[in-house]
Amino acid sequence: MIRGAVERAQVKLMVALDSPRLDLGFVADLVSSMRGIVVGFKIGTPFLLGKGLRAVRNLIESSPGTYFLADVKLADTAQVMEYVVELLRDSGFGGLVVNGFIGYEGALERVAKKCESSSLELFVQVSFDHPAAYIIDSRYPDVKIAIQKTDPSGLVVPASKTTIIRDLRETFGNRYVILSPGIFAAGAGPGEALCYGADAEVVGNRVVLAPSPREALGSVARSQARYLSENRERCLTR
């Protein structure tokens, strides 16, 4: 599902909906205006909790064929995570995000099986871009092993972690779709993560809170294309 969504998208961008203060009517109009243009929409925990599962399910049901990713970043006991998988499946999501640092045995292992039986795609959060993320990155070799055992549909890596993005692409080839959030917010510019091997970048408030979200989206897409053109010689070929 996510691979097809990436291939069909006019721009290699996924839009993040995080703020619980976003008006549902505004969000529905935004999703409608960008369907078929972007890869899909990443729903963050604040928005999910603020609006409720029923409202989010209605949003998803009103947008058939649009990819919605639940960015819940699971990290809990296996049974609790399995409950969450069931709730998100019933809400119509195409996939969900789970933290890679929880490990495989009895954790990612169980979530992956539950996702498979629920027809949900699993995405593994590999790293973060906050200052203390070095703690997680110190276990990066273990996370890579867990990824290989889990065999998820996709990976989530901050756009600023270009070394990790390139290493994952070189290690696993095109086996996993790589989504990279944090352009603008964490210092990475549009196109940089794509250059290092990501399949799509995730943009949030720069587009969602703009006076004209469609115009802002177009501006980001043009910045992506410009970066890739200017750095063509050193970017990974896809």
Protein backbone atom coordinates (compact mmCIF):
# COMPACT_ATOMS: atom_id res chain seq x y z
CA MET A 1 0.00 0.00 0.00
CA ILE A 2 2.62 2.56 1.03
CA ARG A 3 4.87 1.70 -1.90
CA GLY A 4 2.01 2.18 -4.32
CA ALA A 5 1.13 5.47 -2.61
CA VAL A 6 4.72 6.69 -3.06
CA GLU A 7 4.80 5.69 -6.71
CA ARG A 8 1.46 7.35 -7.48
CA ALA A 9 2.15 10.62 -5.66
CA GLN A 10 2.87 13.70 -7.74
CA VAL A 11 5.23 14.98 -5.03
CA LYS A 12 7.31 12.90 -2.62
CA LEU A 13 5.77 14.46 0.45
CA MET A 14 3.59 13.15 3.26
CA VAL A 15 1.66 15.73 5.29
CA ALA A 16 1.73 15.48 9.10
CA LEU A 17 -1.39 16.36 11.05
CA ASP A 18 -0.34 16.71 14.68
CA SER A 19 -1.99 19.63 16.44
CA PRO A 20 -5.16 18.79 18.41
CA ARG A 21 -6.32 22.37 17.73
CA LEU A 22 -6.76 21.79 14.00
CA ASP A 23 -10.38 22.15 12.96
CA LEU A 24 -11.82 18.93 11.56
CA GLY A 25 -13.58 20.72 8.73
CA PHE A 26 -10.32 22.43 7.76
CA VAL A 27 -8.48 19.11 7.87
CA ALA A 28 -11.13 17.40 5.73
CA ASP A 29 -10.83 20.18 3.11
CA LEU A 30 -7.03 20.00 3.23
CA VAL A 31 -7.03 16.23 2.73
CA SER A 32 -9.50 16.56 -0.15
CA SER A 33 -7.39 19.24 -1.85
CA MET A 34 -4.19 17.16 -1.66
CA ARG A 35 -5.51 13.71 -2.47
CA GLY A 36 -3.58 12.23 -5.36
CA ILE A 37 -0.87 14.85 -4.99
CA VAL A 38 0.89 13.79 -1.79
CA VAL A 39 1.90 10.31 -0.61
CA GLY A 40 -0.60 10.48 2.25
CA PHE A 41 -1.18 11.86 5.72
CA LYS A 42 0.57 11.06 8.98
CA ILE A 43 -1.77 11.40 11.96
CA GLY A 44 0.06 12.23 15.19
CA THR A 45 -0.96 11.16 18.68
CA PRO A 46 -2.03 14.70 19.79
CA PHE A 47 -4.48 15.00 16.87
CA LEU A 48 -5.70 11.44 17.41
CA LEU A 49 -6.35 11.98 21.12
CA GLY A 50 -7.75 15.47 20.69
CA LYS A 51 -10.27 14.55 18.01
CA GLY A 52 -11.00 10.96 19.02
CA LEU A 53 -10.95 7.73 17.06
CA ARG A 54 -14.52 8.11 15.81
CA ALA A 55 -13.84 11.51 14.21
CA VAL A 56 -10.59 10.29 12.69
CA ARG A 57 -12.33 7.20 11.34
CA ASN A 58 -14.93 9.43 9.68
CA LEU A 59 -12.13 11.49 8.13
CA ILE A 60 -10.45 8.37 6.77
CA GLU A 61 -13.71 6.90 5.46
CA SER A 62 -14.47 10.15 3.63
CA SER A 63 -11.13 9.92 1.79
CA PRO A 64 -11.10 6.51 0.06
CA GLY A 65 -7.83 5.60 -1.60
CA THR A 66 -5.84 8.01 0.58
CA TYR A 67 -3.04 6.61 2.72
CA PHE A 68 -3.23 7.39 6.45
CA LEU A 69 -0.39 6.47 8.78
CA ALA A 70 -0.94 6.39 12.56
CA ASP A 71 2.17 7.96 14.04
CA VAL A 72 1.66 6.54 17.53
CA LYS A 73 5.27 5.40 18.04
CA LEU A 74 4.34 2.37 20.12
CA ALA A 75 6.67 1.27 22.91
CA ASP A 76 4.86 -0.86 25.47
CA THR A 77 4.14 -4.44 26.48
CA ALA A 78 3.13 -6.72 23.62
CA GLN A 79 -0.48 -7.09 24.78
CA VAL A 80 -1.01 -3.33 25.11
CA MET A 81 0.47 -2.74 21.66
CA GLU A 82 -1.77 -5.44 20.20
CA TYR A 83 -4.82 -3.67 21.62
CA VAL A 84 -3.69 -0.46 19.91
CA VAL A 85 -3.23 -2.28 16.62
CA GLU A 86 -6.85 -3.49 16.81
CA LEU A 87 -8.17 0.01 17.49
CA LEU A 88 -6.20 1.53 14.62
CA ARG A 89 -7.25 -1.25 12.25
CA ASP A 90 -10.90 -0.58 13.06
CA SER A 91 -10.33 3.13 12.44
CA GLY A 92 -9.23 2.50 8.86
CA PHE A 93 -5.53 3.34 9.02
CA GLY A 94 -3.19 1.87 6.44
CA GLY A 95 -0.22 1.60 8.77
CA LEU A 96 1.21 2.48 12.16
CA VAL A 97 4.57 3.44 13.64
CA VAL A 98 6.34 1.50 16.41
CA ASN A 99 9.66 2.34 18.04
CA GLY A 100 12.56 0.17 16.93
CA PHE A 101 14.44 0.44 20.22
CA ILE A 102 11.95 -1.92 21.93
CA GLY A 103 13.68 -4.84 20.21
CA TYR A 104 12.37 -7.86 18.41
CA GLU A 105 11.73 -10.83 20.69
CA GLY A 106 8.35 -10.49 22.36
CA ALA A 107 7.98 -6.89 21.19
CA LEU A 108 8.34 -6.02 17.48
CA GLU A 109 7.82 -9.72 16.85
CA ARG A 110 4.33 -9.66 18.37
CA VAL A 111 3.35 -6.31 16.86
CA ALA A 112 4.44 -7.47 13.39
CA LYS A 113 2.31 -10.62 13.64
CA LYS A 114 -0.68 -8.63 14.84
CA CYS A 115 -0.27 -6.09 12.04
CA GLU A 116 -0.04 -8.85 9.46
CA SER A 117 -3.23 -10.52 10.68
CA SER A 118 -4.92 -7.11 10.77
CA SER A 119 -3.80 -6.06 7.27
CA LEU A 120 -1.94 -3.06 8.69
CA GLU A 121 1.48 -2.00 7.48
CA LEU A 122 4.17 -1.69 10.13
CA PHE A 123 6.69 1.17 10.18
CA VAL A 124 9.70 1.13 12.49
CA GLN A 125 10.89 4.41 14.00
CA VAL A 126 14.66 4.14 13.76
CA SER A 127 15.84 7.37 15.39
CA PHE A 128 14.81 10.83 16.57
CA ASP A 129 16.28 14.30 16.08
CA HIS A 130 16.25 15.67 19.64
CA PRO A 131 19.56 16.20 21.52
CA ALA A 132 19.25 13.05 23.67
CA ALA A 133 18.65 10.82 20.66
CA TYR A 134 22.30 9.75 20.87
CA ILE A 135 21.10 7.27 23.50
CA ILE A 136 18.88 5.58 20.92
CA ASP A 137 21.46 5.90 18.15
CA SER A 138 24.02 4.10 20.32
CA ARG A 139 21.86 1.00 19.83
CA TYR A 140 21.54 1.48 16.10
CA PRO A 141 23.25 -1.84 15.22
CA ASP A 142 20.69 -3.66 17.38
CA VAL A 143 17.84 -1.73 15.77
CA LYS A 144 19.09 -2.78 12.33
CA ILE A 145 19.02 -6.43 13.41
CA ALA A 146 15.49 -5.95 14.75
CA ILE A 147 14.45 -4.37 11.43
CA GLN A 148 15.77 -7.34 9.49
CA LYS A 149 13.93 -9.81 11.74
CA THR A 150 10.70 -7.79 11.72
CA ASP A 151 10.69 -7.09 7.97
CA PRO A 152 8.35 -4.05 8.19
CA SER A 153 6.78 -2.19 5.30
CA GLY A 154 8.65 0.99 6.09
CA LEU A 155 11.11 2.88 8.25
CA VAL A 156 10.85 6.36 9.76
CA VAL A 157 14.13 8.28 10.01
CA PRO A 158 14.49 12.02 10.69
CA ALA A 159 15.56 13.97 7.61
CA SER A 160 18.53 15.32 9.57
CA LYS A 161 19.93 11.79 10.12
CA THR A 162 21.30 11.52 6.59
CA THR A 163 24.08 9.10 7.53
CA ILE A 164 21.53 6.63 8.92
CA ILE A 165 19.24 7.07 5.90
CA ARG A 166 22.07 6.30 3.50
CA ASP A 167 23.26 3.34 5.56
CA LEU A 168 19.77 1.82 5.68
CA ARG A 169 19.33 2.24 1.94
CA GLU A 170 22.73 0.73 1.19
CA THR A 171 22.14 -2.14 3.64
CA PHE A 172 18.59 -3.08 2.68
CA GLY A 173 18.34 -1.72 -0.86
CA ASN A 174 14.75 -0.87 -1.82
CA ARG A 175 13.26 -3.45 0.54
CA TYR A 176 11.69 -0.83 2.83
CA VAL A 177 10.01 2.50 2.17
CA ILE A 178 11.83 5.21 4.10
CA LEU A 179 9.85 8.22 5.34
CA SER A 180 11.77 11.21 6.68
CA PRO A 181 10.03 13.79 8.90
CA GLY A 182 11.58 16.97 10.23
CA ILE A 183 12.32 19.04 7.15
CA PHE A 184 12.56 22.67 8.31
CA ALA A 185 11.88 21.75 11.96
CA ALA A 186 15.18 19.92 12.55
CA GLY A 187 17.40 21.86 10.18
CA ALA A 188 17.21 19.61 7.13
CA GLY A 189 16.00 21.21 3.93
CA PRO A 190 13.52 19.76 1.43
CA GLY A 191 15.17 17.21 -0.82
CA GLU A 192 18.09 16.41 1.46
CA ALA A 193 16.65 13.17 2.84
CA LEU A 194 15.56 12.13 -0.67
CA CYS A 195 19.10 12.70 -1.86
CA TYR A 196 20.43 10.32 0.80
CA GLY A 197 17.92 7.59 0.00
CA ALA A 198 14.53 8.37 1.54
CA ASP A 199 11.40 7.69 -0.51
CA ALA A 200 9.38 10.62 0.82
CA GLU A 201 9.77 13.51 3.24
CA VAL A 202 7.20 14.50 5.83
CA VAL A 203 6.16 18.12 6.21
CA GLY A 204 3.83 19.46 8.88
CA ASN A 205 3.15 22.99 10.09
CA ARG A 206 5.05 24.67 7.25
CA VAL A 207 2.19 23.50 5.02
CA VAL A 208 -0.73 22.88 7.37
CA LEU A 209 -0.58 26.28 9.09
CA ALA A 210 0.25 28.29 5.97
CA PRO A 211 -2.30 30.86 4.70
CA SER A 212 -2.58 28.72 1.56
CA PRO A 213 -1.58 25.09 2.26
CA ARG A 214 -1.65 24.15 -1.44
CA GLU A 215 0.69 27.00 -2.34
CA ALA A 216 2.98 26.10 0.56
CA LEU A 217 3.02 22.47 -0.55
CA GLY A 218 3.99 23.54 -4.06
CA SER A 219 6.80 25.68 -2.67
CA VAL A 220 8.19 22.74 -0.67
CA ALA A 221 7.95 20.46 -3.71
CA ARG A 222 9.87 22.98 -5.83
CA SER A 223 12.55 23.21 -3.13
CA GLN A 224 12.85 19.41 -3.18
CA ALA A 225 13.31 19.36 -6.94
CA ARG A 226 15.85 22.18 -6.82
CA TYR A 227 17.95 20.44 -4.15
CA LEU A 228 17.97 17.17 -6.07
CA SER A 229 18.93 18.93 -9.29
CA GLU A 230 21.73 20.92 -7.69
CA ASN A 231 23.14 17.83 -5.95
CA ARG A 232 22.49 15.31 -8.69
CA GLU A 233 26.05 14.03 -8.78
CA ARG A 234 26.20 12.98 -5.13
CA CYS A 235 22.62 11.81 -4.58
CA LEU A 236 21.83 8.12 -4.48
CA THR A 237 20.29 6.96 -7.72
CA ARG A 238 16.90 5.29 -7.25
